[in-house]
Protein backbone atom coordinates (compact mmCIF):
# COMPACT_ATOMS: atom_id res chain seq x y z
CA MET A 1 -9.48 10.12 19.97
CA ALA A 2 -6.41 7.92 20.43
CA LEU A 3 -7.81 5.47 17.90
CA ASN A 4 -8.24 8.26 15.37
CA ASN A 5 -4.55 9.08 15.88
CA LEU A 6 -3.63 5.40 15.43
CA ALA A 7 -5.45 5.33 12.09
CA ARG A 8 -3.76 8.57 11.03
CA ILE A 9 -0.32 7.17 11.96
CA ALA A 10 -1.05 4.01 9.95
CA TYR A 11 -2.18 6.13 6.98
CA PHE A 12 0.99 8.25 7.24
CA LEU A 13 3.26 5.19 7.29
CA PHE A 14 1.41 3.60 4.36
CA GLY A 15 1.62 6.93 2.52
CA VAL A 16 5.38 7.21 2.95
CA LEU A 17 5.86 3.55 1.98
CA TYR A 18 3.78 3.86 -1.18
CA VAL A 19 5.39 7.16 -2.22
CA VAL A 20 8.83 5.55 -1.94
CA ILE A 21 7.69 2.42 -3.82
CA GLY A 22 6.03 4.57 -6.49
CA ILE A 23 9.09 6.74 -7.06
CA GLY A 24 11.30 3.66 -7.14
CA SER A 25 9.05 1.93 -9.67
CA ILE A 26 9.06 4.98 -11.90
CA LEU A 27 12.85 5.36 -11.74
CA LEU A 28 13.87 1.69 -11.94
CA PRO A 29 13.47 1.22 -15.72
CA THR A 30 15.21 4.54 -16.48
CA ALA A 31 18.61 3.42 -15.14
CA TRP A 32 18.72 6.58 -13.02
CA LEU A 33 19.23 4.52 -9.87
CA PRO A 34 22.71 3.27 -9.00
CA ASN A 35 23.39 -0.17 -10.50
CA GLY A 36 23.93 -1.78 -7.11
CA LEU A 37 20.53 -0.58 -5.88
CA ALA A 38 18.67 -1.64 -9.01
CA ALA A 39 20.39 -5.05 -8.99
CA GLY A 40 19.34 -5.55 -5.38
CA ILE A 41 15.69 -4.92 -6.28
CA LEU A 42 15.36 -6.68 -9.63
CA PRO A 43 16.79 -10.15 -10.28
CA GLU A 44 17.77 -9.13 -13.81
CA PRO A 45 17.73 -5.90 -15.85
CA ILE A 46 14.49 -4.99 -17.61
CA SER A 47 15.24 -5.73 -21.25
CA ASN A 48 11.66 -5.46 -22.52
CA PRO A 49 10.57 -1.80 -22.94
CA PHE A 50 6.91 -2.76 -22.50
CA LEU A 51 7.60 -4.34 -19.08
CA GLY A 52 9.58 -1.27 -18.10
CA HIS A 53 6.65 0.89 -19.13
CA LEU A 54 4.23 -1.26 -17.11
CA LEU A 55 6.50 -0.94 -14.07
CA GLN A 56 6.48 2.85 -14.48
CA GLU A 57 2.69 2.90 -14.83
CA PHE A 58 2.42 0.79 -11.69
CA GLY A 59 4.66 3.36 -10.02
CA THR A 60 2.35 6.25 -10.94
CA VAL A 61 -0.67 4.44 -9.47
CA VAL A 62 1.21 3.54 -6.28
CA LEU A 63 2.53 7.09 -5.99
CA ALA A 64 -1.04 8.43 -6.26
CA LEU A 65 -2.16 5.93 -3.61
CA GLY A 66 0.64 7.13 -1.34
CA PHE A 67 -0.46 10.74 -1.76
CA VAL A 68 -4.05 9.79 -0.93
CA PHE A 69 -2.85 8.07 2.25
CA LEU A 70 -0.82 11.14 3.19
CA TRP A 71 -3.80 13.39 2.53
CA GLN A 72 -6.02 11.23 4.75
CA ALA A 73 -3.33 11.22 7.46
CA SER A 74 -3.37 15.02 7.47
CA ARG A 75 -7.13 15.23 8.07
CA LYS A 76 -8.44 15.68 11.60
CA GLU A 77 -11.24 13.15 11.16
CA THR A 78 -10.82 9.78 9.50
CA SER A 79 -13.32 8.50 6.95
CA ARG A 80 -14.96 5.12 7.34
CA THR A 81 -15.56 4.99 3.57
CA PHE A 82 -11.87 5.54 2.91
CA TYR A 83 -10.97 2.99 5.56
CA TRP A 84 -13.12 0.24 4.00
CA ALA A 85 -12.01 1.10 0.46
CA MET A 86 -8.36 0.76 1.49
CA THR A 87 -9.09 -2.44 3.44
CA LEU A 88 -10.65 -3.90 0.28
CA TYR A 89 -7.59 -2.79 -1.71
CA PHE A 90 -5.24 -4.46 0.78
CA PHE A 91 -7.37 -7.62 0.72
CA LEU A 92 -7.13 -7.80 -3.08
CA ASP A 93 -3.40 -7.04 -2.96
CA ALA A 94 -2.82 -9.82 -0.41
CA LEU A 95 -5.03 -12.21 -2.40
CA ILE A 96 -3.02 -11.85 -5.61
CA HIS A 97 0.13 -12.63 -3.65
CA TRP A 98 -1.40 -15.81 -2.20
CA VAL A 99 -3.08 -16.91 -5.45
CA GLY A 100 -1.15 -15.72 -8.47
CA PRO A 101 0.07 -16.84 -11.87
CA THR A 102 2.04 -19.70 -10.34
CA GLY A 103 -0.99 -21.00 -8.42
CA PHE A 104 -1.92 -21.05 -4.77
CA ILE A 105 0.84 -19.88 -2.41
CA GLY A 106 3.42 -19.14 -5.05
CA SER A 107 5.62 -17.63 -2.34
CA TRP A 108 4.99 -17.81 1.39
CA SER A 109 7.18 -14.79 2.10
CA ARG A 110 5.43 -12.56 -0.45
CA GLY A 111 2.03 -13.73 0.75
CA ILE A 112 2.86 -12.97 4.37
CA VAL A 113 4.57 -9.64 3.72
CA ASN A 114 1.73 -8.43 1.52
CA SER A 115 -0.84 -9.49 4.12
CA ILE A 116 0.67 -7.25 6.83
CA PRO A 117 -1.08 -4.04 5.64
CA LEU A 118 -4.39 -5.94 5.53
CA ALA A 119 -3.80 -7.23 9.06
CA ILE A 120 -3.05 -3.68 10.27
CA MET A 121 -6.22 -2.32 8.68
CA VAL A 122 -8.35 -5.14 10.09
CA LEU A 123 -6.83 -4.59 13.55
CA VAL A 124 -7.51 -0.84 13.42
CA GLY A 125 -11.08 -1.55 12.29
CA PHE A 126 -11.59 -4.10 15.06
CA LEU A 127 -10.24 -1.69 17.68
CA GLU A 128 -12.40 1.11 16.29
CA SER A 129 -15.54 -1.05 16.45
CA ARG A 130 -14.78 -1.90 20.12
CA ALA A 131 -13.94 1.65 21.18
CA PRO A 132 -16.45 3.47 23.37
CA GLY A 133 -17.70 6.84 22.30
CA PRO A 134 -18.13 8.34 18.84
CA GLN A 135 -17.00 6.31 15.87
CA VAL A 136 -14.97 7.63 12.94
CA ASN A 137 -16.66 9.89 10.46
CA ARG A 138 -18.98 7.92 8.20
CA GLY A 139 -18.71 10.49 5.41
CA THR A 140 -17.26 9.99 1.99
CA ALA A 141 -14.39 12.46 2.24
C-alpha cells in the first residue's frame, strides 16, 4: 500500500510540474508574462510566429499530460499500463536530450535533468516488483 502511495505522489508531482510547464509554454509567446520572467526562460525573444505557435502547441500537449498525471494521482489504484506508458515516454524524452540535433550529448545538464523523471519511474517500478503482496492493478485504466 505504501508503494501505491509513492507512485501516486510521484504522479502528483509530475502532474503539477507538467501543468506549470504547459501553461508557461502557452503563455510565453503571447508576451503575457513579465519581461524579466520570459527573458530568464528564453535566451532571446521569439521573433518567428511559427516557432511561437509550435511552443504553444507543445504547451497544450504538456498541459494534457499534466492533467493525466493528476488524474492518475487521484485514483485509489495505480495502473501498470499507465506506468509503463509513462516510463516509455520519459525514456524517449531523456533520449532526445542525450541524442539530439547537435549530436550525442549535446548538453550534459539537459541530459541529466531530463533523465531524472525516467530514473524516478524506473525506481518506483523496481520497488514495486520487489514488494511483497499484491502488485499494482494490471488494468488499462
